[in-house]
Amino acid sequence: MEPPRCCSSGTSPGPPGVVRLAKFLAHGGIASRRKAELIIGKGRVTVGGEVVTDPARDVGAGDDVRVDGSPVGAEPREVWAVNKPAGVVSTAREPGKRPAVVSLVDSVARLYPVGRLDADSTGLLLLTNDGELANRLTHPRYEVEKAYRVELRRPPSDADLRRLASGVELEDGITAPAEVSRFGEREIEVVLREGRNRQVRRMAEAVGNEVVALRRVRFGPVELGSLPQGQARRLGDGDIARLWEDAGTDG
């Protein structure tokens, strides 16, 4: 595999020694570990030419592991920060006319988004080929923080902000406590530790307001900063280590 076409700092190593098959596939950029287990269970994976359906099967770097006949290698793990513009979808590929966010990253790795941002929303989105890291960053158990700058249709009252912070009733249950700060007459910052579908927009509607614009400015320890809209930067080992720390492990 040719090296990534954009300069940046080093990569984390592939799976050392012997690992379970599902983890090997995740580190090979095939899918998250959970989805890799489903792929294995369907008989789509071979090791040394034999079909394997046990995701706990041990494999090493020297084993011939294939998915649907294509070899799997533990490609160097990459994590990218992207400033997603409006109209770009948070998918690895888009069958329609709208561009997919992976098209903004100049890499040959098999990247996919860590969670999602609505097509109308902008700001920080992480992309990676490390399925285990992606799973931990999005799993509710690890409560990784995500911060959003939100422009509302009308100025929120102090009571509205207290309701948003303490939790509001949505159709899928009461939201977890959040951090809510006022940044202007109609602009607030909301920090969540959960990730429901269109959560910030639905929270605003629950207090009788409406989101006009929404921009994610932080994901765990990674900040959007001055990254221009539509541009991407590859995270270095330090940033990746901090992401693993936020996700409850040292990687």
Foldseek 3Di string as FASTA:
>chain_A
DDFFPDDDADFDDFDPFKFFQLQNCLLLLNAASVVSLVQLCVQQKDWQRHGGNDRRDIDGQPIQIDGNRHGTHRPTKWKKKAWAAAQEWQFLADPDDTHHLCVLDRTPGSKHWLDTDPSRATAIIMIISRNHLSCLLQDLVLLWKWKKKFFKPFFDDPVLQVDQQCWFQDPVGTFHGWDWADDDRRIIMIMGSHDDDVVVQRSQVRSPIGTPYMYIQDTRPDGRPPADHSHMDIDYPVVVQSSQVSSPHRD
